[in-house]
């Protein structure tokens, strides 16, 4: 895990604010078997729309005289929720924030929500967003 630091500037180049985002190294992610004994594979697939699909949706919207809108979900991966079949994800804190218990053993953090860089964060966010969209119908 590491921190990605960014400086946000306005159109004149003046500093507006500092931003920090925690990211994990998904290429180092490992999974163990679940408590039920079934082997869990690290599934990283997350669906994405092709440009042709987007063009068809816009054409259908225009033909039906519908208003077509787009939106951005802020901190999308943090909106995802782990489920029982996702297993548990533990990360080591960034090197400058290492904590140790009374015996001198490094402490690891258990993630409650997916973070940027995690191998299956996109799939988990998609599943959560899909559930929300289906529930609102």
Protein backbone atom coordinates (compact mmCIF):
# COMPACT_ATOMS: atom_id res chain seq x y z
CA UNK A 1 0.00 0.00 0.00
CA UNK A 2 1.17 3.52 -0.68
CA UNK A 3 -0.08 7.08 -0.82
CA UNK A 4 -0.50 8.90 -4.13
CA UNK A 5 -0.18 12.63 -3.53
CA UNK A 6 -1.48 15.22 -5.97
CA UNK A 7 -1.58 19.00 -6.12
CA UNK A 8 -4.76 20.44 -7.65
CA UNK A 9 -4.30 23.75 -9.45
CA UNK A 10 -6.77 26.14 -11.05
CA UNK A 11 -6.62 27.37 -14.65
CA UNK A 12 -4.08 30.07 -13.67
CA UNK A 13 -1.76 27.51 -12.12
CA UNK A 14 -2.41 28.57 -8.54
CA UNK A 15 -2.48 25.80 -5.94
CA UNK A 16 -6.04 25.05 -4.80
CA UNK A 17 -5.58 22.01 -2.57
CA UNK A 18 -3.53 18.92 -1.82
CA UNK A 19 -5.11 15.51 -2.41
CA UNK A 20 -4.05 12.10 -1.13
CA UNK A 21 -5.30 8.68 -2.19
CA UNK A 22 -4.41 5.31 -0.73
CA UNK A 23 -3.65 2.68 -3.37
CA UNK A 24 -2.72 -0.96 -3.04
CA UNK A 25 -0.40 -2.97 -5.25
CA UNK A 26 -2.82 -5.39 -6.91
CA UNK A 27 0.00 -7.19 -8.68
CA UNK A 28 1.18 -8.47 -5.27
CA UNK A 29 -2.29 -9.52 -4.12
CA UNK A 30 -2.77 -13.13 -3.01
CA UNK A 31 -5.89 -14.99 -1.97
CA UNK A 32 -6.31 -17.97 0.30
CA UNK A 33 -9.06 -20.58 0.39
CA UNK A 34 -12.29 -19.49 2.04
CA UNK A 35 -13.45 -20.89 5.35
CA UNK A 36 -15.89 -23.18 3.52
CA UNK A 37 -12.89 -24.91 1.93
CA UNK A 38 -13.66 -23.80 -1.62
CA UNK A 39 -10.70 -22.44 -3.52
CA UNK A 40 -11.08 -18.73 -4.30
CA UNK A 41 -9.54 -17.50 -7.52
CA UNK A 42 -8.69 -13.86 -7.92
CA UNK A 43 -11.33 -12.71 -10.41
CA UNK A 44 -10.35 -9.40 -11.97
CA UNK A 45 -12.95 -9.07 -14.73
CA UNK A 46 -15.05 -5.89 -14.72
CA UNK A 47 -17.33 -5.14 -17.68
CA UNK A 48 -16.77 -2.00 -19.72
CA UNK A 49 -18.87 -0.51 -22.52
CA UNK A 50 -17.39 -0.36 -26.01
CA UNK A 51 -17.66 2.82 -28.03
CA UNK A 52 -20.13 1.12 -30.41
CA UNK A 53 -22.45 0.36 -27.48
CA UNK A 54 -22.30 3.97 -26.36
CA UNK A 55 -23.10 5.19 -29.88
CA UNK A 56 -26.12 2.87 -30.14
CA UNK A 57 -27.44 4.08 -26.76
CA UNK A 58 -27.08 7.71 -27.87
CA UNK A 59 -28.86 6.94 -31.18
CA UNK A 60 -31.73 5.18 -29.38
CA UNK A 61 -32.01 8.08 -26.95
CA UNK A 62 -32.17 10.64 -29.77
CA UNK A 63 -34.66 8.56 -31.77
CA UNK A 64 -36.96 8.20 -28.75
CA UNK A 65 -36.51 11.89 -27.91
CA UNK A 66 -34.96 11.05 -24.54
CA UNK A 67 -32.43 13.11 -22.66
CA UNK A 68 -29.06 11.33 -22.57
CA UNK A 69 -26.87 12.15 -19.58
CA UNK A 70 -23.53 11.01 -18.26
CA UNK A 71 -22.17 11.15 -14.74
CA UNK A 72 -19.03 10.44 -12.80
CA UNK A 73 -19.09 8.53 -9.53
CA UNK A 74 -16.68 10.18 -7.10
CA UNK A 75 -14.40 7.68 -5.37
CA UNK A 76 -16.17 4.88 -7.24
CA UNK A 77 -14.08 2.02 -5.86
CA UNK A 78 -14.75 3.15 -2.30
CA UNK A 79 -18.48 2.77 -3.02
CA UNK A 80 -18.06 -0.99 -3.55
CA UNK A 81 -18.76 -3.42 -0.76
CA UNK A 82 -17.02 -6.71 -0.05
CA UNK A 83 -19.27 -9.75 0.24
CA UNK A 84 -18.69 -13.09 1.93
CA UNK A 85 -17.52 -14.79 -1.27
CA UNK A 86 -14.89 -12.08 -1.91
CA UNK A 87 -12.76 -13.29 0.96
CA UNK A 88 -10.80 -10.97 3.25
CA UNK A 89 -8.15 -8.58 2.03
CA UNK A 90 -5.27 -7.55 4.27
CA UNK A 91 -2.65 -4.95 3.36
CA UNK A 92 0.58 -3.76 4.87
CA UNK A 93 0.51 -0.06 5.77
CA UNK A 94 2.78 2.30 3.84
CA UNK A 95 6.44 2.07 4.92
CA UNK A 96 6.36 5.43 6.71
CA UNK A 97 3.33 4.35 8.77
CA UNK A 98 4.34 0.90 10.01
CA UNK A 99 2.83 -0.07 13.34
CA UNK A 100 3.93 -2.90 15.60
CA UNK A 101 2.16 -4.81 18.33
CA UNK A 102 3.59 -5.40 21.83
CA UNK A 103 5.71 -8.31 20.55
CA UNK A 104 7.25 -6.24 17.74
CA UNK A 105 5.26 -7.94 14.96
CA UNK A 106 4.12 -5.62 12.15
CA UNK A 107 0.39 -4.93 12.12
CA UNK A 108 -1.59 -5.37 8.89
CA UNK A 109 -4.85 -3.65 7.99
CA UNK A 110 -8.03 -5.47 6.98
CA UNK A 111 -9.78 -3.61 4.17
CA UNK A 112 -13.47 -2.91 4.67
CA UNK A 113 -13.89 -1.50 1.14
CA UNK A 114 -11.91 -1.97 -2.07
CA UNK A 115 -9.14 0.53 -2.81
CA UNK A 116 -7.62 1.75 -6.07
CA UNK A 117 -5.11 -0.73 -7.38
CA UNK A 118 -6.72 -3.79 -5.84
CA UNK A 119 -7.01 -6.57 -8.40
CA UNK A 120 -10.78 -7.07 -8.18
CA UNK A 121 -11.91 -3.55 -7.12
CA UNK A 122 -13.53 -2.85 -10.50
CA UNK A 123 -15.55 -6.05 -10.40
CA UNK A 124 -16.71 -5.37 -6.84
CA UNK A 125 -17.73 -1.79 -7.68
CA UNK A 126 -19.63 -2.97 -10.77
CA UNK A 127 -21.53 -5.56 -8.73
CA UNK A 128 -22.48 -2.93 -6.12
CA UNK A 129 -23.56 -0.37 -8.76
CA UNK A 130 -25.58 -3.00 -10.62
CA UNK A 131 -27.45 -3.95 -7.41
CA UNK A 132 -28.27 -0.29 -6.75
CA UNK A 133 -29.55 0.25 -10.30
CA UNK A 134 -31.71 -2.89 -10.20
CA UNK A 135 -33.18 -1.91 -6.80
CA UNK A 136 -34.19 1.55 -8.06
CA UNK A 137 -36.22 0.18 -10.98
